[in-house]
N, C-alpha and C. Protein backbone atom coordinates (compact mmCIF):
# COMPACT_ATOMS: atom_id res chain seq x y z
N MET A 1 -11.01 -6.71 1.82
CA MET A 1 -9.93 -6.14 2.45
C MET A 1 -9.46 -6.82 3.45
N HIS A 2 -8.32 -6.78 3.89
CA HIS A 2 -7.61 -7.80 4.98
C HIS A 2 -6.76 -6.71 5.74
N GLN A 3 -6.99 -6.84 7.17
CA GLN A 3 -5.89 -5.88 8.12
C GLN A 3 -4.64 -6.74 8.08
N ILE A 4 -3.70 -5.91 8.23
CA ILE A 4 -2.39 -6.41 8.52
C ILE A 4 -2.17 -6.23 10.13
N LYS A 5 -2.45 -7.15 10.85
CA LYS A 5 -2.41 -7.20 12.22
C LYS A 5 -1.14 -7.33 13.01
N PRO A 6 -0.72 -6.43 13.71
CA PRO A 6 -1.32 -5.77 14.49
C PRO A 6 -1.45 -4.24 14.07
N HIS A 7 -1.16 -4.14 12.96
CA HIS A 7 -1.04 -2.51 12.42
C HIS A 7 -2.38 -2.10 12.12
N LEU A 8 -2.78 -0.54 12.15
CA LEU A 8 -3.89 -0.21 11.53
C LEU A 8 -3.81 0.13 10.00
N LEU A 9 -3.64 -1.05 9.41
CA LEU A 9 -3.27 -1.10 7.85
C LEU A 9 -3.94 -2.05 7.41
N TRP A 10 -4.78 -1.82 6.39
CA TRP A 10 -5.38 -2.84 5.79
C TRP A 10 -4.96 -2.79 3.84
N VAL A 11 -5.23 -3.93 3.32
CA VAL A 11 -4.79 -4.09 1.85
C VAL A 11 -5.98 -4.59 1.23
N GLY A 12 -6.17 -3.91 0.07
CA GLY A 12 -7.41 -4.34 -0.71
C GLY A 12 -7.31 -4.00 -1.88
N HIS A 13 -8.58 -4.31 -2.83
CA HIS A 13 -8.54 -3.96 -4.15
C HIS A 13 -9.40 -2.67 -4.60
N ALA A 14 -9.52 -2.41 -5.82
CA ALA A 14 -10.13 -1.43 -6.31
C ALA A 14 -11.82 -1.29 -5.48
N GLY A 15 -12.36 -2.39 -5.88
CA GLY A 15 -13.88 -2.56 -5.12
C GLY A 15 -13.85 -2.20 -3.52
N ASP A 16 -12.72 -2.55 -2.74
CA ASP A 16 -12.59 -2.19 -1.48
C ASP A 16 -12.51 -0.59 -1.21
N GLY A 17 -11.81 -0.14 -2.12
CA GLY A 17 -11.91 1.54 -2.13
C GLY A 17 -12.87 2.42 -2.11
N ARG A 18 -13.83 1.37 -2.75
CA ARG A 18 -15.10 2.22 -2.90
C ARG A 18 -16.42 1.66 -1.98
N ASN A 19 -15.87 0.80 -1.22
CA ASN A 19 -16.88 0.19 -0.07
C ASN A 19 -17.12 0.99 1.09
N PHE A 20 -17.73 2.49 1.17
CA PHE A 20 -17.21 3.23 1.98
C PHE A 20 -17.98 2.43 3.47
N GLN A 21 -19.10 1.79 3.07
CA GLN A 21 -19.61 1.09 4.49
C GLN A 21 -18.65 0.30 5.39
N GLU A 22 -17.89 -0.77 4.85
CA GLU A 22 -16.71 -1.40 4.99
C GLU A 22 -15.84 -0.72 5.56
N ILE A 23 -15.25 0.40 4.94
CA ILE A 23 -14.29 1.29 5.21
C ILE A 23 -14.89 1.93 6.67
N PHE A 24 -16.19 2.48 6.68
CA PHE A 24 -16.63 2.91 7.97
C PHE A 24 -16.46 1.95 9.18
N ASP A 25 -17.04 0.88 8.78
CA ASP A 25 -17.23 -0.34 9.71
C ASP A 25 -15.90 -0.52 10.54
N ASN A 26 -14.74 -0.41 9.90
CA ASN A 26 -13.27 -0.96 10.06
C ASN A 26 -12.55 0.51 10.64
N ARG A 27 -13.47 1.55 10.70
CA ARG A 27 -12.94 2.56 11.17
C ARG A 27 -11.59 3.20 10.67
N ILE A 28 -11.41 2.92 9.44
CA ILE A 28 -10.83 3.32 8.59
C ILE A 28 -10.56 4.84 8.27
N ARG A 29 -9.41 5.53 8.31
CA ARG A 29 -9.74 7.06 8.17
C ARG A 29 -8.81 7.74 6.94
N ALA A 30 -8.22 6.51 6.31
CA ALA A 30 -7.42 7.13 4.84
C ALA A 30 -7.26 6.15 4.08
N ILE A 31 -7.57 6.46 2.61
CA ILE A 31 -7.44 5.54 1.67
C ILE A 31 -6.20 6.00 0.79
N VAL A 32 -5.14 5.11 0.52
CA VAL A 32 -4.25 5.48 -0.50
C VAL A 32 -4.32 4.48 -1.70
N GLN A 33 -4.71 4.84 -2.74
CA GLN A 33 -5.15 4.29 -4.31
C GLN A 33 -4.02 4.27 -5.10
N LEU A 34 -3.89 3.17 -5.54
CA LEU A 34 -2.21 3.02 -6.23
C LEU A 34 -2.48 2.63 -7.63
N ALA A 35 -3.65 2.28 -7.98
CA ALA A 35 -3.81 1.97 -9.60
C ALA A 35 -3.92 2.99 -10.68
N LEU A 36 -2.98 2.92 -11.42
CA LEU A 36 -2.80 4.08 -12.50
C LEU A 36 -4.14 3.73 -13.47
N GLU A 37 -4.59 2.62 -13.59
CA GLU A 37 -5.85 2.24 -14.52
C GLU A 37 -6.90 2.34 -14.00
N GLU A 38 -7.06 2.69 -12.67
CA GLU A 38 -8.37 2.80 -12.26
C GLU A 38 -8.94 4.34 -11.93
N PRO A 39 -9.94 4.60 -12.24
CA PRO A 39 -10.60 5.97 -12.04
C PRO A 39 -10.29 6.37 -10.47
N PRO A 40 -10.24 7.40 -10.20
CA PRO A 40 -10.05 7.93 -9.04
C PRO A 40 -11.40 7.60 -7.94
N ILE A 41 -11.01 7.36 -6.71
CA ILE A 41 -12.24 7.08 -6.08
C ILE A 41 -12.74 8.40 -5.56
N GLN A 42 -14.08 8.55 -5.28
CA GLN A 42 -14.80 9.77 -4.70
C GLN A 42 -15.16 9.42 -3.29
N PRO A 43 -14.13 9.59 -2.58
CA PRO A 43 -14.82 9.50 -1.18
C PRO A 43 -15.27 10.43 -0.54
N PRO A 44 -16.25 10.01 0.60
CA PRO A 44 -16.77 11.14 1.37
C PRO A 44 -15.79 12.29 2.03
N ARG A 45 -16.22 13.19 2.59
CA ARG A 45 -15.13 14.36 2.82
C ARG A 45 -14.37 14.17 4.05
N ASP A 46 -14.90 13.14 4.85
CA ASP A 46 -14.23 13.13 6.26
C ASP A 46 -13.21 11.77 6.07
N LEU A 47 -12.93 11.20 4.87
CA LEU A 47 -11.89 10.38 4.70
C LEU A 47 -10.80 11.06 3.97
N VAL A 48 -9.39 10.78 4.70
CA VAL A 48 -7.98 11.37 3.88
C VAL A 48 -8.09 10.23 2.43
N PHE A 49 -7.63 10.98 1.72
CA PHE A 49 -7.43 10.40 0.30
C PHE A 49 -6.24 10.69 -0.48
N CYS A 50 -5.60 10.05 -0.82
CA CYS A 50 -4.07 9.86 -1.67
C CYS A 50 -4.10 9.29 -3.06
N ARG A 51 -4.14 9.55 -4.13
CA ARG A 51 -3.76 8.58 -5.23
C ARG A 51 -2.73 8.99 -5.86
N ILE A 52 -1.79 7.87 -6.05
CA ILE A 52 -0.62 7.86 -6.18
C ILE A 52 -0.44 6.72 -7.68
N PRO A 53 -0.80 7.17 -9.13
CA PRO A 53 -0.98 6.44 -9.92
C PRO A 53 0.37 5.39 -10.18
N LEU A 54 0.28 4.01 -9.96
CA LEU A 54 1.36 3.28 -10.07
C LEU A 54 1.00 2.37 -11.34
N ILE A 55 2.16 1.75 -11.86
CA ILE A 55 1.93 0.75 -12.85
C ILE A 55 2.13 -0.71 -12.02
N ASP A 56 1.44 -1.65 -12.70
CA ASP A 56 1.55 -3.22 -12.15
C ASP A 56 2.69 -3.77 -12.87
N GLY A 57 3.94 -3.52 -12.57
CA GLY A 57 5.01 -4.01 -13.23
C GLY A 57 5.89 -2.87 -13.10
N THR A 58 7.04 -3.23 -14.21
CA THR A 58 8.21 -2.07 -14.27
C THR A 58 7.56 -0.62 -15.39
N GLY A 59 8.67 0.33 -14.94
CA GLY A 59 8.29 1.44 -15.59
C GLY A 59 7.76 2.55 -14.55
N ASN A 60 7.55 2.45 -13.23
CA ASN A 60 7.19 2.99 -12.56
C ASN A 60 8.26 4.35 -12.00
N ASP A 61 7.65 5.55 -11.99
CA ASP A 61 8.89 6.72 -11.68
C ASP A 61 9.20 6.35 -10.02
N PRO A 62 10.45 6.39 -9.89
CA PRO A 62 10.93 6.15 -8.33
C PRO A 62 10.58 7.28 -7.33
N VAL A 63 10.24 8.44 -7.85
CA VAL A 63 9.51 9.61 -7.09
C VAL A 63 8.12 8.99 -6.62
N LEU A 64 7.64 8.50 -7.49
CA LEU A 64 5.97 7.98 -7.37
C LEU A 64 6.30 7.10 -6.25
N LEU A 65 6.95 5.92 -6.40
CA LEU A 65 7.18 5.01 -5.35
C LEU A 65 7.65 5.35 -4.21
N ASN A 66 8.60 6.15 -4.32
CA ASN A 66 9.00 6.90 -2.79
C ASN A 66 7.58 7.60 -2.27
N LEU A 67 7.18 8.29 -2.81
CA LEU A 67 5.99 8.88 -2.38
C LEU A 67 4.77 8.20 -1.85
N ALA A 68 4.49 6.83 -2.40
CA ALA A 68 3.70 5.87 -2.07
C ALA A 68 4.16 5.37 -0.89
N ILE A 69 5.37 4.88 -0.61
CA ILE A 69 5.96 4.22 0.69
C ILE A 69 5.92 5.24 1.90
N ASP A 70 6.35 6.36 1.26
CA ASP A 70 6.61 7.52 2.50
C ASP A 70 5.39 7.87 3.15
N THR A 71 4.33 8.04 2.23
CA THR A 71 2.88 7.98 2.77
C THR A 71 2.26 7.05 3.46
N VAL A 72 2.14 6.02 3.04
CA VAL A 72 1.67 4.81 3.86
C VAL A 72 2.01 4.82 5.19
N ALA A 73 3.65 5.05 4.90
CA ALA A 73 4.61 4.80 6.36
C ALA A 73 4.10 6.14 7.45
N ALA A 74 3.87 7.41 6.95
CA ALA A 74 3.76 8.31 7.71
C ALA A 74 2.35 8.33 8.29
N LEU A 75 1.16 7.90 7.56
CA LEU A 75 0.13 7.29 8.07
C LEU A 75 0.02 6.54 9.08
N GLN A 76 1.00 5.52 8.98
CA GLN A 76 1.09 4.15 9.89
C GLN A 76 1.95 4.74 11.40
N ARG A 77 2.90 5.71 11.12
CA ARG A 77 3.67 6.47 12.37
C ARG A 77 2.59 7.48 12.94
N SER A 78 1.74 7.68 12.11
CA SER A 78 0.64 8.74 12.93
C SER A 78 -0.43 8.12 13.17
N ARG A 79 -0.63 6.74 13.45
CA ARG A 79 -1.69 5.60 13.87
C ARG A 79 -2.78 6.17 13.28
N ILE A 80 -2.80 6.30 12.17
CA ILE A 80 -4.00 6.62 11.30
C ILE A 80 -4.36 5.31 10.45
N SER A 81 -5.71 4.65 10.69
CA SER A 81 -5.94 3.61 10.01
C SER A 81 -6.29 3.84 8.62
N THR A 82 -5.73 3.08 7.88
CA THR A 82 -5.30 3.29 6.49
C THR A 82 -5.60 2.04 5.42
N LEU A 83 -6.40 2.20 4.35
CA LEU A 83 -6.46 1.39 3.69
C LEU A 83 -5.56 1.52 1.99
N VAL A 84 -4.58 0.50 1.83
CA VAL A 84 -3.87 0.76 0.49
C VAL A 84 -4.52 -0.49 -0.47
N CYS A 85 -5.05 0.44 -1.61
CA CYS A 85 -5.89 -0.22 -2.41
C CYS A 85 -5.23 -0.22 -3.85
N CYS A 86 -5.47 -1.12 -4.73
CA CYS A 86 -4.82 -1.04 -6.27
C CYS A 86 -6.24 -1.86 -7.04
N GLY A 87 -5.92 -2.11 -8.23
CA GLY A 87 -6.53 -3.23 -9.10
C GLY A 87 -7.32 -4.45 -8.51
N GLY A 88 -6.54 -5.13 -8.45
CA GLY A 88 -6.63 -6.58 -8.17
C GLY A 88 -6.38 -6.73 -6.66
N GLY A 89 -5.63 -5.71 -5.95
CA GLY A 89 -5.22 -5.83 -4.39
C GLY A 89 -4.09 -6.94 -4.23
N MET A 90 -3.66 -7.31 -5.23
CA MET A 90 -2.50 -8.49 -5.08
C MET A 90 -1.15 -8.21 -5.42
N SER A 91 -0.73 -6.95 -5.98
CA SER A 91 0.64 -6.68 -6.40
C SER A 91 0.81 -5.26 -5.61
N ARG A 92 0.47 -4.47 -6.19
CA ARG A 92 1.03 -3.02 -5.82
C ARG A 92 0.30 -2.83 -4.47
N SER A 93 -0.77 -3.20 -3.90
CA SER A 93 -1.07 -2.73 -2.64
C SER A 93 -0.13 -3.52 -1.77
N PRO A 94 -0.01 -4.81 -1.81
CA PRO A 94 1.07 -5.52 -0.88
C PRO A 94 2.43 -4.98 -0.69
N ALA A 95 2.94 -4.75 -1.96
CA ALA A 95 4.35 -4.58 -2.31
C ALA A 95 4.55 -3.16 -1.43
N ILE A 96 3.71 -1.99 -1.71
CA ILE A 96 3.74 -0.67 -0.99
C ILE A 96 3.42 -1.00 0.55
N ALA A 97 2.30 -1.76 0.85
CA ALA A 97 2.33 -1.83 2.25
C ALA A 97 3.40 -2.56 3.30
N ALA A 98 4.22 -3.40 2.35
CA ALA A 98 5.40 -4.07 3.25
C ALA A 98 6.36 -3.10 3.13
N ALA A 99 6.51 -2.40 2.15
CA ALA A 99 7.57 -1.54 2.07
C ALA A 99 7.64 -0.14 3.26
N ALA A 100 6.32 -0.02 3.18
CA ALA A 100 5.71 1.12 4.26
C ALA A 100 6.13 0.41 5.94
N LEU A 101 5.59 -0.75 6.06
CA LEU A 101 6.11 -1.63 7.41
C LEU A 101 7.50 -1.73 7.60
N SER A 102 8.14 -1.88 6.49
CA SER A 102 9.80 -2.03 6.49
C SER A 102 10.29 -0.68 7.11
N ALA A 103 9.89 0.57 6.30
CA ALA A 103 10.26 1.61 6.80
C ALA A 103 10.01 2.14 8.43
N VAL A 104 8.58 1.88 8.84
CA VAL A 104 8.26 2.07 10.24
C VAL A 104 8.89 0.91 11.25
N GLU A 105 8.88 -0.11 10.93
CA GLU A 105 9.42 -1.18 11.80
C GLU A 105 10.68 -1.55 11.57
N HIS A 106 11.36 -0.80 10.80
CA HIS A 106 13.11 -1.16 10.75
C HIS A 106 13.32 -2.56 10.19
N LYS A 107 12.56 -3.24 9.43
CA LYS A 107 12.70 -4.67 9.30
C LYS A 107 12.76 -5.10 7.91
N PRO A 108 13.59 -5.91 7.37
CA PRO A 108 13.97 -6.14 5.90
C PRO A 108 12.51 -6.25 5.06
N LEU A 109 12.72 -5.70 4.12
CA LEU A 109 11.37 -5.79 2.99
C LEU A 109 10.80 -6.75 2.98
N GLU A 110 11.64 -8.17 2.74
CA GLU A 110 11.17 -9.49 2.52
C GLU A 110 10.30 -10.15 3.72
N GLU A 111 10.75 -9.92 4.76
CA GLU A 111 10.02 -10.27 6.14
C GLU A 111 8.96 -9.16 6.11
N CYS A 112 8.86 -8.05 5.89
CA CYS A 112 7.61 -7.43 5.92
C CYS A 112 6.47 -7.91 4.66
N LEU A 113 6.92 -8.23 3.50
CA LEU A 113 6.13 -8.94 2.77
C LEU A 113 5.58 -10.25 2.97
N ARG A 114 6.31 -10.99 3.91
CA ARG A 114 5.81 -12.07 4.64
C ARG A 114 4.63 -12.01 5.43
N ILE A 115 5.00 -10.99 6.30
CA ILE A 115 3.99 -10.65 7.20
C ILE A 115 2.56 -10.04 6.43
N VAL A 116 2.89 -9.32 5.19
CA VAL A 116 1.61 -8.75 4.84
C VAL A 116 1.02 -9.82 3.91
N ALA A 117 1.69 -11.11 3.44
CA ALA A 117 1.00 -12.00 2.86
C ALA A 117 0.19 -13.23 3.75
N GLU A 118 0.64 -12.89 5.01
CA GLU A 118 0.01 -14.00 6.07
C GLU A 118 -1.53 -13.65 5.95
N SER A 119 -1.87 -12.64 5.88
CA SER A 119 -3.00 -11.93 6.06
C SER A 119 -4.21 -12.19 4.64
N ARG A 120 -3.73 -12.64 3.60
CA ARG A 120 -3.96 -12.41 2.43
C ARG A 120 -3.38 -13.33 1.22
N PRO A 121 -3.78 -13.69 0.24
CA PRO A 121 -3.01 -14.16 -0.92
C PRO A 121 -2.59 -12.75 -1.79
N HIS A 122 -1.38 -13.23 -2.33
CA HIS A 122 -0.71 -11.84 -2.93
C HIS A 122 -0.04 -12.64 -4.26
N ASP A 123 0.25 -11.70 -5.45
CA ASP A 123 1.00 -11.98 -6.28
C ASP A 123 1.93 -10.69 -6.98
N VAL A 124 2.97 -10.32 -6.08
CA VAL A 124 3.66 -9.18 -6.20
C VAL A 124 4.62 -9.41 -7.45
N LEU A 125 4.29 -8.76 -8.50
CA LEU A 125 5.35 -8.81 -9.85
C LEU A 125 6.34 -8.73 -9.49
N PRO A 126 7.56 -9.43 -10.11
CA PRO A 126 8.87 -9.48 -9.67
C PRO A 126 9.53 -7.95 -10.22
N GLY A 127 9.08 -7.56 -11.20
CA GLY A 127 9.55 -6.20 -11.94
C GLY A 127 9.12 -4.86 -10.74
N LEU A 128 8.02 -4.93 -10.27
CA LEU A 128 7.46 -3.88 -9.51
C LEU A 128 8.08 -4.29 -8.20
N TRP A 129 8.21 -5.43 -7.78
CA TRP A 129 9.07 -5.64 -6.51
C TRP A 129 10.42 -5.16 -6.52
N ALA A 130 11.34 -5.63 -7.76
CA ALA A 130 12.51 -4.79 -7.85
C ALA A 130 12.59 -3.58 -7.71
N GLU A 131 11.71 -2.62 -8.33
CA GLU A 131 11.56 -1.24 -8.37
C GLU A 131 11.05 -0.73 -7.08
N VAL A 132 10.27 -1.53 -6.14
CA VAL A 132 10.20 -1.11 -4.84
C VAL A 132 11.64 -1.45 -3.93
N ARG A 133 12.27 -2.42 -4.06
CA ARG A 133 13.15 -2.71 -3.26
C ARG A 133 14.31 -1.60 -3.55
N TYR A 134 14.53 -1.12 -4.83
CA TYR A 134 15.45 -0.06 -5.45
C TYR A 134 15.08 1.18 -4.69
N ALA A 135 13.89 1.56 -4.85
CA ALA A 135 13.20 2.86 -4.13
C ALA A 135 13.40 2.72 -2.78
N SER A 136 13.41 1.58 -1.96
CA SER A 136 13.38 1.70 -0.37
C SER A 136 15.02 1.52 -0.11
N GLY A 137 15.77 1.54 -1.10
CA GLY A 137 17.28 1.58 -0.89
C GLY A 137 17.95 0.09 -0.57
N GLU A 138 17.30 -0.76 -0.61
CA GLU A 138 17.67 -2.24 -0.20
C GLU A 138 18.49 -2.69 -1.31
N ASP A 139 18.30 -2.30 -2.66
CA ASP A 139 19.31 -2.75 -3.71
C ASP A 139 20.22 -1.70 -4.09
N GLN A 140 20.50 -0.92 -3.15
CA GLN A 140 21.55 0.54 -3.49
C GLN A 140 22.46 0.60 -2.39
N GLY A 141 22.48 -0.64 -1.61
CA GLY A 141 23.65 -0.79 -0.83
C GLY A 141 23.33 0.07 0.52
N GLU A 142 22.34 0.49 0.80
CA GLU A 142 22.29 1.49 1.88
C GLU A 142 21.59 0.51 3.22
C-alpha cells in the first residue's frame, strides 16, 4: 500500500486490505474495498469498513461509483486515514482515490490521477475511467 501524501489516503490491492498489522502500523482507521470479485474483508471491529463492489472496466452502476467516490471523499473531509483497495490495486483504487481527491480539493480529475500515480504504478482501464469521469460530472458539462 502507498500513501497519497500529504493526504490521509492510501491505495492498495486486496492483500493490503487484509494486512491488519500494516494497516495499524500506518494508523489507518478505515478500509474501502472496491473489488466485486474479492471476498469481503473481515476486519477487526475497531476499523471502519465499507465494501462497494465495482467491476474493473465498464458496466458499473453509476450509483455505486458515486457512492464509492462520495464515501472516500467524506472520509478524507473528516480526516479519517483511509485505505482504498481493489483486486490488484492498479485500476479501481487509484481511479476512485483520484475522483475523491478531485471532489475534496476541487481540482480536475486528470490532475488528481497524476497525484495518485506519483506514489505508485497504476493502470486505470479506459472504460472504468470514462465511467468515473461521467459519475463525477466531468463529462456531463458540469
